[in-house]
Amino acid sequence: MSTSDNIVKMTNDVAKVVSHPNFLKMMEQMNSLPAAERQSEAEEIAKLGTLVKYGIQIPHGLRVSLRSFEDPNTVPTTRAIPRPGADIKPITVCVSAGLIVCVSVGGDVS
């Protein structure tokens, strides 16, 4: 498979997971929780077994990792690590299907 075809496949694999109705429902429910409860809910969502339990087909090589970001309007755009005590916005779930493609879902970046 060519590099281009592989990137398209990985992108499609990620899109199938993050657009699944049950994934979207889990994200909405997590972000509606009080901030203090989001981390534990995000940790549960990040388990591949949880995704399978909710009927989400897991593509080969799929990995889920947790990320949280502070308000992009309050920090330089080149800063990737939140400051201690930063106002953390809703937790996102980052889904990766390979070494090249990583898609993060959630949070407001406008």
N, C-alpha and C. Protein backbone atom coordinates (compact mmCIF):
# COMPACT_ATOMS: atom_id res chain seq x y z
N MET A 1 0.85 -1.17 0.00
CA MET A 1 0.00 0.00 0.00
C MET A 1 0.90 1.24 0.00
N SER A 2 0.58 2.20 -0.84
CA SER A 2 1.39 3.42 -0.91
C SER A 2 1.19 4.24 0.37
N THR A 3 2.12 5.15 0.62
CA THR A 3 2.02 6.02 1.78
C THR A 3 0.71 6.80 1.74
N SER A 4 0.38 7.33 0.59
CA SER A 4 -0.86 8.11 0.44
C SER A 4 -2.08 7.25 0.75
N ASP A 5 -2.12 6.05 0.20
CA ASP A 5 -3.25 5.15 0.46
C ASP A 5 -3.33 4.77 1.93
N ASN A 6 -2.17 4.58 2.56
CA ASN A 6 -2.14 4.21 3.97
C ASN A 6 -2.66 5.36 4.84
N ILE A 7 -2.30 6.59 4.50
CA ILE A 7 -2.79 7.75 5.26
C ILE A 7 -4.30 7.87 5.10
N VAL A 8 -4.81 7.66 3.90
CA VAL A 8 -6.25 7.71 3.67
C VAL A 8 -6.94 6.62 4.49
N LYS A 9 -6.38 5.41 4.52
CA LYS A 9 -6.97 4.32 5.29
C LYS A 9 -6.98 4.65 6.78
N MET A 10 -5.86 5.15 7.31
CA MET A 10 -5.80 5.49 8.73
C MET A 10 -6.80 6.59 9.08
N THR A 11 -6.91 7.58 8.19
CA THR A 11 -7.86 8.67 8.41
C THR A 11 -9.29 8.14 8.43
N ASN A 12 -9.61 7.27 7.50
CA ASN A 12 -10.95 6.67 7.46
C ASN A 12 -11.22 5.81 8.69
N ASP A 13 -10.20 5.08 9.15
CA ASP A 13 -10.35 4.27 10.36
C ASP A 13 -10.68 5.15 11.57
N VAL A 14 -9.94 6.25 11.72
CA VAL A 14 -10.18 7.16 12.82
C VAL A 14 -11.57 7.78 12.71
N ALA A 15 -11.94 8.20 11.49
CA ALA A 15 -13.24 8.84 11.28
C ALA A 15 -14.39 7.90 11.66
N LYS A 16 -14.25 6.61 11.38
CA LYS A 16 -15.30 5.66 11.73
C LYS A 16 -15.49 5.58 13.23
N VAL A 17 -14.40 5.66 13.98
CA VAL A 17 -14.50 5.59 15.44
C VAL A 17 -15.10 6.87 16.00
N VAL A 18 -14.52 8.03 15.64
CA VAL A 18 -14.93 9.28 16.27
C VAL A 18 -16.29 9.78 15.78
N SER A 19 -16.80 9.23 14.68
CA SER A 19 -18.13 9.63 14.21
C SER A 19 -19.21 8.63 14.60
N HIS A 20 -18.81 7.53 15.24
CA HIS A 20 -19.79 6.53 15.67
C HIS A 20 -20.75 7.17 16.67
N PRO A 21 -22.05 6.96 16.51
CA PRO A 21 -23.03 7.59 17.40
C PRO A 21 -22.76 7.33 18.88
N ASN A 22 -22.30 6.15 19.23
CA ASN A 22 -22.05 5.85 20.64
C ASN A 22 -20.81 6.58 21.16
N PHE A 23 -19.80 6.76 20.30
CA PHE A 23 -18.62 7.53 20.70
C PHE A 23 -19.02 8.98 20.95
N LEU A 24 -19.80 9.54 20.03
CA LEU A 24 -20.25 10.93 20.17
C LEU A 24 -21.09 11.10 21.44
N LYS A 25 -21.93 10.11 21.73
CA LYS A 25 -22.76 10.17 22.94
C LYS A 25 -21.88 10.13 24.19
N MET A 26 -20.87 9.26 24.19
CA MET A 26 -19.96 9.19 25.34
C MET A 26 -19.24 10.51 25.55
N MET A 27 -18.80 11.15 24.46
CA MET A 27 -18.11 12.43 24.57
C MET A 27 -19.04 13.51 25.11
N GLU A 28 -20.26 13.55 24.63
CA GLU A 28 -21.23 14.54 25.12
C GLU A 28 -21.50 14.33 26.61
N GLN A 29 -21.69 13.08 27.00
CA GLN A 29 -21.96 12.79 28.41
C GLN A 29 -20.77 13.18 29.28
N MET A 30 -19.54 12.88 28.83
CA MET A 30 -18.35 13.20 29.60
C MET A 30 -18.23 14.72 29.77
N ASN A 31 -18.42 15.46 28.70
CA ASN A 31 -18.25 16.90 28.78
C ASN A 31 -19.39 17.59 29.53
N SER A 32 -20.48 16.88 29.78
CA SER A 32 -21.56 17.47 30.57
C SER A 32 -21.35 17.25 32.07
N LEU A 33 -20.38 16.43 32.43
CA LEU A 33 -20.09 16.17 33.85
C LEU A 33 -19.39 17.37 34.48
N PRO A 34 -19.46 17.49 35.79
CA PRO A 34 -18.66 18.51 36.47
C PRO A 34 -17.18 18.26 36.17
N ALA A 35 -16.40 19.33 36.11
CA ALA A 35 -14.99 19.22 35.73
C ALA A 35 -14.23 18.18 36.55
N ALA A 36 -14.54 18.08 37.83
CA ALA A 36 -13.83 17.15 38.71
C ALA A 36 -14.07 15.69 38.36
N GLU A 37 -15.14 15.39 37.62
CA GLU A 37 -15.47 14.01 37.28
C GLU A 37 -15.04 13.62 35.86
N ARG A 38 -14.62 14.57 35.07
CA ARG A 38 -14.31 14.28 33.66
C ARG A 38 -13.11 13.37 33.47
N GLN A 39 -12.07 13.54 34.29
CA GLN A 39 -10.86 12.74 34.12
C GLN A 39 -11.16 11.25 34.24
N SER A 40 -11.89 10.85 35.28
CA SER A 40 -12.16 9.42 35.47
C SER A 40 -13.04 8.89 34.34
N GLU A 41 -13.99 9.70 33.87
CA GLU A 41 -14.83 9.27 32.74
C GLU A 41 -14.00 9.14 31.47
N ALA A 42 -13.09 10.10 31.25
CA ALA A 42 -12.22 10.04 30.07
C ALA A 42 -11.33 8.80 30.11
N GLU A 43 -10.84 8.46 31.30
CA GLU A 43 -10.01 7.25 31.44
C GLU A 43 -10.80 6.00 31.06
N GLU A 44 -12.08 5.97 31.38
CA GLU A 44 -12.92 4.82 31.02
C GLU A 44 -13.14 4.77 29.51
N ILE A 45 -13.42 5.92 28.91
CA ILE A 45 -13.64 5.98 27.47
C ILE A 45 -12.39 5.56 26.70
N ALA A 46 -11.23 5.88 27.25
CA ALA A 46 -9.96 5.57 26.57
C ALA A 46 -9.63 4.09 26.52
N LYS A 47 -10.36 3.27 27.26
CA LYS A 47 -10.12 1.83 27.24
C LYS A 47 -10.78 1.24 25.99
N LEU A 48 -9.99 0.49 25.22
CA LEU A 48 -10.53 -0.12 24.00
C LEU A 48 -11.71 -1.03 24.34
N GLY A 49 -11.66 -1.70 25.49
CA GLY A 49 -12.76 -2.57 25.89
C GLY A 49 -14.07 -1.81 26.07
N THR A 50 -13.99 -0.57 26.53
CA THR A 50 -15.18 0.26 26.67
C THR A 50 -15.77 0.56 25.30
N LEU A 51 -14.91 0.91 24.35
CA LEU A 51 -15.39 1.21 23.00
C LEU A 51 -16.05 -0.01 22.39
N VAL A 52 -15.45 -1.18 22.55
CA VAL A 52 -16.03 -2.42 22.03
C VAL A 52 -17.37 -2.69 22.70
N LYS A 53 -17.43 -2.49 24.02
CA LYS A 53 -18.67 -2.70 24.77
C LYS A 53 -19.81 -1.86 24.21
N TYR A 54 -19.50 -0.68 23.70
CA TYR A 54 -20.51 0.20 23.14
C TYR A 54 -20.68 0.02 21.63
N GLY A 55 -20.18 -1.10 21.10
CA GLY A 55 -20.43 -1.45 19.70
C GLY A 55 -19.55 -0.74 18.69
N ILE A 56 -18.44 -0.19 19.13
CA ILE A 56 -17.54 0.51 18.22
C ILE A 56 -16.47 -0.46 17.74
N GLN A 57 -16.39 -0.65 16.44
CA GLN A 57 -15.40 -1.55 15.87
C GLN A 57 -14.03 -0.89 15.96
N ILE A 58 -13.05 -1.63 16.47
CA ILE A 58 -11.70 -1.10 16.67
C ILE A 58 -10.80 -1.53 15.52
N PRO A 59 -10.34 -0.56 14.70
CA PRO A 59 -9.42 -0.90 13.61
C PRO A 59 -8.07 -1.37 14.17
N HIS A 60 -7.39 -2.21 13.42
CA HIS A 60 -6.06 -2.69 13.81
C HIS A 60 -5.14 -1.49 14.05
N GLY A 61 -4.44 -1.50 15.17
CA GLY A 61 -3.47 -0.45 15.47
C GLY A 61 -4.06 0.79 16.12
N LEU A 62 -5.36 0.82 16.36
CA LEU A 62 -5.98 1.99 16.95
C LEU A 62 -5.51 2.15 18.40
N ARG A 63 -5.18 3.38 18.75
CA ARG A 63 -4.80 3.70 20.13
C ARG A 63 -5.60 4.92 20.56
N VAL A 64 -5.93 4.96 21.83
CA VAL A 64 -6.65 6.10 22.38
C VAL A 64 -5.83 6.64 23.54
N SER A 65 -5.60 7.95 23.52
CA SER A 65 -4.87 8.58 24.62
C SER A 65 -5.62 9.81 25.08
N LEU A 66 -5.40 10.19 26.32
CA LEU A 66 -6.10 11.35 26.89
C LEU A 66 -5.26 12.60 26.73
N ARG A 67 -5.93 13.68 26.45
CA ARG A 67 -5.29 15.00 26.37
C ARG A 67 -6.24 16.02 26.95
N SER A 68 -5.71 17.05 27.57
CA SER A 68 -6.54 18.19 27.95
C SER A 68 -5.78 19.45 27.59
N PHE A 69 -6.52 20.47 27.23
CA PHE A 69 -5.90 21.70 26.74
C PHE A 69 -6.50 22.90 27.45
N GLU A 70 -5.65 23.90 27.69
CA GLU A 70 -6.16 25.14 28.25
C GLU A 70 -6.73 26.00 27.12
N ASP A 71 -7.42 27.03 27.46
CA ASP A 71 -8.02 27.95 26.49
C ASP A 71 -6.94 28.49 25.56
N PRO A 72 -7.02 28.22 24.26
CA PRO A 72 -5.98 28.66 23.32
C PRO A 72 -5.88 30.17 23.20
N ASN A 73 -6.89 30.89 23.69
CA ASN A 73 -6.84 32.35 23.62
C ASN A 73 -6.02 32.97 24.74
N THR A 74 -5.59 32.15 25.71
CA THR A 74 -4.85 32.69 26.85
C THR A 74 -3.38 32.32 26.86
N VAL A 75 -2.93 31.55 25.88
CA VAL A 75 -1.52 31.14 25.84
C VAL A 75 -1.00 31.28 24.42
N PRO A 76 0.34 31.39 24.27
CA PRO A 76 0.90 31.42 22.91
C PRO A 76 0.56 30.14 22.16
N THR A 77 0.34 30.24 20.86
CA THR A 77 -0.08 29.08 20.08
C THR A 77 0.99 28.00 20.00
N THR A 78 2.24 28.32 20.26
CA THR A 78 3.30 27.31 20.19
C THR A 78 3.44 26.52 21.47
N ARG A 79 2.74 26.91 22.52
CA ARG A 79 2.84 26.21 23.79
C ARG A 79 1.95 24.97 23.78
N ALA A 80 2.51 23.82 24.08
CA ALA A 80 1.74 22.58 24.03
C ALA A 80 1.39 22.03 25.41
N ILE A 81 2.09 22.48 26.46
CA ILE A 81 1.87 21.93 27.79
C ILE A 81 1.16 22.97 28.64
N PRO A 82 0.00 22.63 29.21
CA PRO A 82 -0.72 23.61 30.04
C PRO A 82 0.10 24.05 31.25
N ARG A 83 -0.05 25.31 31.61
CA ARG A 83 0.60 25.83 32.82
C ARG A 83 -0.04 25.19 34.05
N PRO A 84 0.71 25.02 35.13
CA PRO A 84 0.10 24.53 36.37
C PRO A 84 -1.01 25.49 36.79
N GLY A 85 -2.16 24.95 37.15
CA GLY A 85 -3.28 25.76 37.58
C GLY A 85 -4.05 26.41 36.44
N ALA A 86 -3.75 26.05 35.19
CA ALA A 86 -4.43 26.66 34.04
C ALA A 86 -5.90 26.28 34.03
N ASP A 87 -6.70 27.13 33.43
CA ASP A 87 -8.13 26.88 33.27
C ASP A 87 -8.30 25.86 32.16
N ILE A 88 -8.41 24.58 32.51
CA ILE A 88 -8.49 23.50 31.53
C ILE A 88 -9.91 23.44 30.97
N LYS A 89 -10.00 23.40 29.66
CA LYS A 89 -11.29 23.29 28.98
C LYS A 89 -11.70 21.82 28.94
N PRO A 90 -12.86 21.50 28.37
CA PRO A 90 -13.30 20.10 28.38
C PRO A 90 -12.22 19.16 27.84
N ILE A 91 -12.13 18.01 28.48
CA ILE A 91 -11.16 17.00 28.08
C ILE A 91 -11.51 16.50 26.69
N THR A 92 -10.49 16.24 25.90
CA THR A 92 -10.70 15.66 24.59
C THR A 92 -10.17 14.23 24.60
N VAL A 93 -10.61 13.44 23.67
CA VAL A 93 -10.07 12.11 23.49
C VAL A 93 -9.36 12.10 22.15
N CYS A 94 -8.09 11.78 22.17
CA CYS A 94 -7.28 11.75 20.95
C CYS A 94 -7.23 10.31 20.46
N VAL A 95 -7.61 10.09 19.23
CA VAL A 95 -7.64 8.75 18.66
C VAL A 95 -6.63 8.68 17.53
N SER A 96 -5.74 7.70 17.55
CA SER A 96 -4.71 7.56 16.53
C SER A 96 -4.77 6.17 15.92
N ALA A 97 -4.67 6.12 14.60
CA ALA A 97 -4.68 4.83 13.91
C ALA A 97 -3.31 4.50 13.36
N GLY A 98 -2.31 5.25 13.69
CA GLY A 98 -0.98 4.99 13.16
C GLY A 98 0.03 5.98 13.70
N LEU A 99 1.23 5.92 13.19
CA LEU A 99 2.28 6.81 13.67
C LEU A 99 2.14 8.22 13.12
N ILE A 100 1.40 8.39 12.05
CA ILE A 100 1.33 9.67 11.37
C ILE A 100 0.04 10.42 11.69
N VAL A 101 -1.07 9.73 11.70
CA VAL A 101 -2.38 10.37 11.82
C VAL A 101 -2.86 10.33 13.27
N CYS A 102 -3.14 11.49 13.83
CA CYS A 102 -3.72 11.58 15.17
C CYS A 102 -4.82 12.62 15.13
N VAL A 103 -6.00 12.25 15.55
CA VAL A 103 -7.15 13.16 15.52
C VAL A 103 -7.64 13.34 16.93
N SER A 104 -7.82 14.59 17.34
CA SER A 104 -8.34 14.90 18.66
C SER A 104 -9.75 15.39 18.51
N VAL A 105 -10.62 14.89 19.35
CA VAL A 105 -12.05 15.24 19.27
C VAL A 105 -12.46 15.89 20.57
N GLY A 106 -13.12 17.04 20.47
CA GLY A 106 -13.63 17.70 21.65
C GLY A 106 -12.95 19.01 21.92
N GLY A 107 -13.51 19.79 22.79
CA GLY A 107 -12.95 21.08 23.13
C GLY A 107 -13.18 22.10 22.05
N ASP A 108 -13.15 23.35 22.43
CA ASP A 108 -13.37 24.45 21.48
C ASP A 108 -12.04 25.09 21.14
N VAL A 109 -11.68 25.07 19.88
CA VAL A 109 -10.41 25.68 19.45
C VAL A 109 -10.62 26.91 18.61
N SER A 110 -11.85 27.44 18.58
CA SER A 110 -12.12 28.63 17.76
C SER A 110 -11.61 29.88 18.44
